[in-house]
Structures are given as C-alpha cells and as structure tokens.
Amino acid sequence: MAPDVKGGRPTLRMERAEATRRRILDAARRLFSERGYGATSLMAVAEEAGVAVQTVYAAYGSKAGILRALREEVVHQAEAESLYSAALHAARADEGLELFARSIRARWQAGADVVAAHADAAASDASLRREVEAVLERRRTGIAALMAEIARGLRPGLLVEDATAISDALTSPGVYLTLVRAAGWSDDRYAEWLATTLRAQLLPSADGAASPSITGRATGTAAAARAGVEKRRNAG
C-alpha cells in the first residue's frame, strides 16, 4: 500500500481500496475452492465480495489476475519462509529436516486450496500452466538448496539429486491434501509424519544415533543452489 505523501501513512481512501481488494481475494478463494476455478465467473466473485464487477476488473484485470495475487501470498507466506531459512542454517541435518517439515506444514496449511485452484486453472490455460511450472521449478530449487546444505548428513550413497526428488514428492501439496483434507489428519499430525518420514528416507539409520553434524560445511553445490534461491527471491 502506498503511503500518504504528506503524512507518510495510508490515507482512508487507500485503506478502503485495500480492504476492497482483500474482500475480492477472499471471495474468489472461497468460490474457487467450492466450485472450481473454471466454474467461477468474475460476476460471481463480484457478487460474493459485494462489489460491482467493474471493481473486480479494476483491481485485478481478470480471473487469472486474481489467482496470481493469491499465488503470491502463498509463495511469500512469512512463517514458511522464516522456517525454511532457519532450516538452511540448522547445525544438524535432523534439525534442518524438522524445520523444513514445519515450513511445509505452514505453507500448505495457509495455501493448499490455492495450489489446487492453480492446478484446475492450468489444465485449460496455457499461460497459467507455464506460470505454475515456473513456480514448481522455483520450489525444486529451494529443496535442492536445502539438500545440498545437509549433504554430509544424508545416508551413505544417497545423492543430493535423489534426496531432492524424494523430498519434492513427500512435501507436495497433493500429499498434504490427501492426508489432511481427505483422511482427516490434523496439521500437527501431518507435520510430525512428514518430519519422521523425511528423516527415515534421507538420514542414516544407526540405532537412534543423531545424524552427523553439518556445521561448517560450505560446498560449491550448496553455495550455487542457495544463490539460485536468492536470485529467484529477488526476481519475485
């Protein structure tokens, strides 16, 4: 929100405009979840939000524009980003995976329905499909950066590339939706399962011994992967 030129604070008009944009996003999110992206019209969004359809057009331009705004909220979800950053700097591999699992829980708890709406939209919209593919590639890059950071703590013989693929599969929004929405698990149970499963799949099994310390590691692969994450963050 842009500040008032004189006072450095948002004006009442700006606050009202932001509140309207929020109502539109919330209304669209409910309808996308209940009816599906394809079956939701801008007129329906306007009626649900209690605004004129022209207001929806002025705020977001199109239905795809609304979906992009919702996606950006999920991509930049503050708690998930903070936990992921902490995972990158964890002293031990098991600690890093625990934090990573918590970051995934926070992201999907806040936005799994938006991800589902994107999958629905991408099935019929080529431009949105390309955008979704770009977001998924960004996600894989972030996972690869974490796996490179904890590489010395991975079980013997497990390549970073394979650890990345395993983690990508286990942390997908589809798994979250199956366990939490379909099977009725709590978010806490999901996070605990995910952390346990990641450790079992990626770390050595040594009769309960802690995973090897990864403090002090600084491989070229890790640095390159982390640089890729930072580049994408700056670009976004």
Protein backbone atom coordinates (compact mmCIF):
# COMPACT_ATOMS: atom_id res chain seq x y z
CA MET A 1 0.00 0.00 0.00
CA ALA A 2 1.40 3.39 -0.98
CA PRO A 3 1.83 5.91 1.84
CA ASP A 4 0.21 9.33 2.02
CA VAL A 5 2.67 11.86 0.58
CA LYS A 6 2.21 14.34 3.42
CA GLY A 7 1.90 12.16 6.48
CA GLY A 8 3.77 9.03 5.41
CA ARG A 9 0.72 6.93 6.30
CA PRO A 10 -2.02 5.34 4.18
CA THR A 11 -5.00 7.57 3.51
CA LEU A 12 -8.53 6.49 4.33
CA ARG A 13 -9.19 6.08 0.63
CA MET A 14 -6.18 3.78 0.26
CA GLU A 15 -7.26 1.73 3.26
CA ARG A 16 -10.73 1.31 1.81
CA ALA A 17 -9.30 0.30 -1.57
CA GLU A 18 -7.05 -2.27 0.10
CA ALA A 19 -10.00 -3.63 2.10
CA THR A 20 -11.96 -3.99 -1.13
CA ARG A 21 -9.11 -5.85 -2.79
CA ARG A 22 -8.95 -8.14 0.24
CA ARG A 23 -12.68 -8.88 0.03
CA ILE A 24 -12.33 -9.74 -3.64
CA LEU A 25 -9.43 -12.12 -3.00
CA ASP A 26 -11.21 -13.82 -0.11
CA ALA A 27 -14.42 -14.17 -2.11
CA ALA A 28 -12.61 -15.62 -5.12
CA ARG A 29 -10.68 -18.03 -2.93
CA ARG A 30 -13.90 -19.37 -1.39
CA LEU A 31 -15.55 -19.80 -4.78
CA PHE A 32 -12.50 -21.40 -6.40
CA SER A 33 -12.47 -23.93 -3.57
CA GLU A 34 -16.22 -24.59 -3.61
CA ARG A 35 -16.96 -24.50 -7.36
CA GLY A 36 -13.60 -24.82 -9.05
CA TYR A 37 -11.69 -22.19 -10.99
CA GLY A 38 -13.33 -22.90 -14.33
CA ALA A 39 -16.86 -22.73 -12.97
CA THR A 40 -16.33 -19.42 -11.16
CA SER A 41 -17.12 -16.24 -13.11
CA LEU A 42 -15.96 -12.73 -12.31
CA MET A 43 -19.59 -11.79 -11.84
CA ALA A 44 -19.90 -14.49 -9.17
CA VAL A 45 -16.76 -13.18 -7.46
CA ALA A 46 -18.17 -9.66 -7.51
CA GLU A 47 -21.46 -10.79 -6.00
CA GLU A 48 -19.69 -12.81 -3.32
CA ALA A 49 -17.47 -9.84 -2.46
CA GLY A 50 -20.36 -7.36 -2.51
CA VAL A 51 -18.82 -5.14 -5.18
CA ALA A 52 -19.52 -4.23 -8.80
CA VAL A 53 -17.90 -6.44 -11.42
CA GLN A 54 -16.16 -3.33 -12.78
CA THR A 55 -14.41 -3.03 -9.41
CA VAL A 56 -13.08 -6.56 -9.78
CA TYR A 57 -11.74 -5.73 -13.24
CA ALA A 58 -10.16 -2.53 -11.97
CA ALA A 59 -8.47 -4.30 -9.07
CA TYR A 60 -7.14 -7.43 -10.80
CA GLY A 61 -7.88 -7.22 -14.52
CA SER A 62 -9.03 -10.81 -14.90
CA LYS A 63 -9.75 -14.04 -13.11
CA ALA A 64 -6.17 -15.11 -13.79
CA GLY A 65 -5.00 -11.88 -12.17
CA ILE A 66 -6.87 -12.79 -9.00
CA LEU A 67 -5.30 -16.22 -9.00
CA ARG A 68 -1.82 -14.71 -9.43
CA ALA A 69 -2.38 -12.46 -6.43
CA LEU A 70 -3.45 -15.44 -4.33
CA ARG A 71 -0.42 -17.39 -5.51
CA GLU A 72 1.96 -14.63 -4.47
CA GLU A 73 0.54 -14.75 -0.96
CA VAL A 74 1.28 -18.47 -0.76
CA VAL A 75 4.76 -18.15 -2.28
CA HIS A 76 5.72 -15.41 0.16
CA GLN A 77 3.99 -16.86 3.24
CA ALA A 78 6.01 -15.31 6.08
CA GLU A 79 6.07 -18.20 8.57
CA ALA A 80 7.00 -20.75 5.92
CA GLU A 81 9.79 -18.54 4.57
CA SER A 82 11.20 -17.97 8.07
CA LEU A 83 11.20 -21.68 8.90
CA TYR A 84 12.81 -22.57 5.57
CA SER A 85 15.57 -20.01 6.17
CA ALA A 86 16.16 -21.49 9.62
CA ALA A 87 16.35 -24.97 8.06
CA LEU A 88 19.08 -23.78 5.68
CA HIS A 89 21.16 -22.63 8.65
CA ALA A 90 20.48 -25.54 11.02
CA ALA A 91 23.50 -27.07 12.72
CA ARG A 92 22.41 -30.67 12.12
CA ALA A 93 20.67 -32.49 9.30
CA ASP A 94 17.85 -33.79 11.50
CA GLU A 95 17.20 -30.29 12.82
CA GLY A 96 17.13 -28.94 9.28
CA LEU A 97 14.57 -31.52 8.19
CA GLU A 98 12.40 -30.84 11.24
CA LEU A 99 12.32 -27.12 10.40
CA PHE A 100 11.72 -27.90 6.74
CA ALA A 101 8.72 -30.08 7.62
CA ARG A 102 7.30 -27.28 9.74
CA SER A 103 7.78 -24.82 6.87
CA ILE A 104 5.88 -27.10 4.51
CA ARG A 105 3.08 -27.51 7.03
CA ALA A 106 2.81 -23.71 7.36
CA ARG A 107 2.76 -23.18 3.59
CA TRP A 108 0.12 -25.79 2.76
CA GLN A 109 -1.99 -25.00 5.79
CA ALA A 110 -2.17 -21.45 4.51
CA GLY A 111 -2.46 -22.17 0.80
CA ALA A 112 -3.16 -25.75 -0.30
CA ASP A 113 -6.55 -24.67 -1.68
CA VAL A 114 -4.84 -22.00 -3.81
CA VAL A 115 -2.46 -24.61 -5.19
CA ALA A 116 -5.44 -26.81 -6.07
CA ALA A 117 -7.11 -23.89 -7.85
CA HIS A 118 -3.92 -23.35 -9.86
CA ALA A 119 -3.89 -26.99 -10.93
CA ASP A 120 -7.51 -26.63 -12.05
CA ALA A 121 -6.77 -23.43 -13.97
CA ALA A 122 -3.57 -24.72 -15.55
CA ALA A 123 -5.46 -27.61 -17.12
CA SER A 124 -7.19 -25.21 -19.50
CA ASP A 125 -4.98 -22.09 -19.55
CA ALA A 126 -1.58 -22.44 -21.20
CA SER A 127 -0.21 -19.19 -19.80
CA LEU A 128 -1.13 -20.16 -16.25
CA ARG A 129 0.32 -23.60 -16.85
CA ARG A 130 3.68 -22.03 -17.70
CA GLU A 131 3.50 -19.88 -14.59
CA VAL A 132 2.74 -22.91 -12.42
CA GLU A 133 5.67 -24.78 -13.95
CA ALA A 134 7.94 -21.84 -13.12
CA VAL A 135 6.74 -21.83 -9.50
CA LEU A 136 7.30 -25.59 -9.22
CA GLU A 137 10.83 -25.18 -10.58
CA ARG A 138 11.46 -22.47 -8.02
CA ARG A 139 10.21 -24.85 -5.31
CA ARG A 140 12.53 -27.63 -6.51
CA THR A 141 15.45 -25.19 -6.49
CA GLY A 142 14.71 -24.34 -2.87
CA ILE A 143 14.56 -28.01 -1.90
CA ALA A 144 17.80 -28.68 -3.76
CA ALA A 145 19.48 -25.87 -1.83
CA LEU A 146 18.47 -27.45 1.47
CA MET A 147 19.59 -30.93 0.40
CA ALA A 148 22.95 -29.53 -0.68
CA GLU A 149 23.33 -27.85 2.70
CA ILE A 150 22.72 -31.10 4.61
CA ALA A 151 24.56 -33.31 2.10
CA ARG A 152 27.11 -34.54 4.64
CA GLY A 153 24.29 -35.70 6.88
CA LEU A 154 22.49 -37.76 4.23
CA ARG A 155 22.62 -41.54 4.40
CA PRO A 156 25.58 -43.12 2.61
CA GLY A 157 25.10 -43.47 -1.13
CA LEU A 158 22.16 -41.08 -1.36
CA LEU A 159 22.82 -38.43 -3.97
CA VAL A 160 21.69 -34.86 -3.41
CA GLU A 161 19.65 -35.10 -6.61
CA ASP A 162 17.78 -38.15 -5.32
CA ALA A 163 17.28 -36.58 -1.88
CA THR A 164 15.78 -33.58 -3.66
CA ALA A 165 13.39 -35.74 -5.69
CA ILE A 166 12.29 -37.70 -2.61
CA SER A 167 11.71 -34.51 -0.63
CA ASP A 168 9.85 -32.90 -3.52
CA ALA A 169 7.47 -35.86 -3.67
CA LEU A 170 6.89 -36.15 0.07
CA THR A 171 6.26 -32.42 0.54
CA SER A 172 3.92 -31.97 -2.44
CA PRO A 173 0.58 -30.25 -1.78
CA GLY A 174 -1.20 -33.35 -3.06
CA VAL A 175 0.14 -35.41 -0.16
CA TYR A 176 -0.97 -32.72 2.29
CA LEU A 177 -4.46 -32.60 0.78
CA THR A 178 -4.77 -36.39 0.86
CA LEU A 179 -3.74 -36.73 4.50
CA VAL A 180 -5.28 -33.59 5.99
CA ARG A 181 -8.33 -32.85 3.85
CA ALA A 182 -9.27 -36.36 2.71
CA ALA A 183 -8.05 -38.56 5.60
CA GLY A 184 -8.83 -36.03 8.31
CA TRP A 185 -5.38 -35.73 9.86
CA SER A 186 -4.60 -32.67 11.95
CA ASP A 187 -1.92 -30.30 10.70
CA ASP A 188 0.22 -31.24 13.71
CA ARG A 189 -0.03 -34.93 12.84
CA TYR A 190 0.90 -34.18 9.23
CA ALA A 191 3.97 -32.16 10.27
CA GLU A 192 5.12 -34.89 12.66
CA TRP A 193 4.63 -37.58 9.99
CA LEU A 194 6.48 -35.52 7.41
CA ALA A 195 9.48 -34.85 9.65
CA THR A 196 9.66 -38.52 10.66
CA THR A 197 9.36 -39.73 7.07
CA LEU A 198 11.96 -37.29 5.75
CA ARG A 199 14.43 -38.40 8.41
CA ALA A 200 13.74 -42.08 7.69
CA GLN A 201 14.20 -41.63 3.95
CA LEU A 202 17.18 -39.29 3.93
CA LEU A 203 19.30 -39.85 7.03
CA PRO A 204 21.39 -42.81 8.19
CA SER A 205 19.75 -45.36 10.46
CA ALA A 206 22.15 -46.04 13.30
CA ASP A 207 20.09 -47.34 16.21
CA GLY A 208 18.72 -43.93 17.07
CA ALA A 209 22.05 -42.11 16.86
CA ALA A 210 21.85 -38.45 15.93
CA SER A 211 22.57 -37.56 12.34
CA PRO A 212 26.06 -36.24 11.57
CA SER A 213 26.72 -32.58 12.22
CA ILE A 214 26.68 -30.39 9.16
CA THR A 215 28.15 -27.32 10.86
CA GLY A 216 30.99 -25.80 8.91
CA ARG A 217 30.08 -27.32 5.55
CA ALA A 218 30.34 -24.99 2.59
CA THR A 219 30.34 -26.91 -0.64
CA GLY A 220 30.23 -25.32 -4.08
CA THR A 221 26.98 -27.16 -4.80
CA ALA A 222 25.33 -25.75 -1.70
CA ALA A 223 26.52 -22.24 -2.43
CA ALA A 224 25.31 -22.42 -6.03
CA ALA A 225 21.90 -23.76 -5.02
CA ARG A 226 21.45 -21.14 -2.33
CA ALA A 227 22.47 -18.43 -4.79
CA GLY A 228 19.72 -19.67 -7.10
CA VAL A 229 17.16 -19.34 -4.32
CA GLU A 230 18.25 -15.78 -3.55
CA LYS A 231 18.17 -14.86 -7.24
CA ARG A 232 14.60 -16.10 -7.58
CA ARG A 233 13.54 -14.30 -4.40
CA ASN A 234 14.94 -11.06 -5.69
CA ALA A 235 13.30 -11.59 -9.07
CA GLY A 236 9.94 -12.26 -7.41
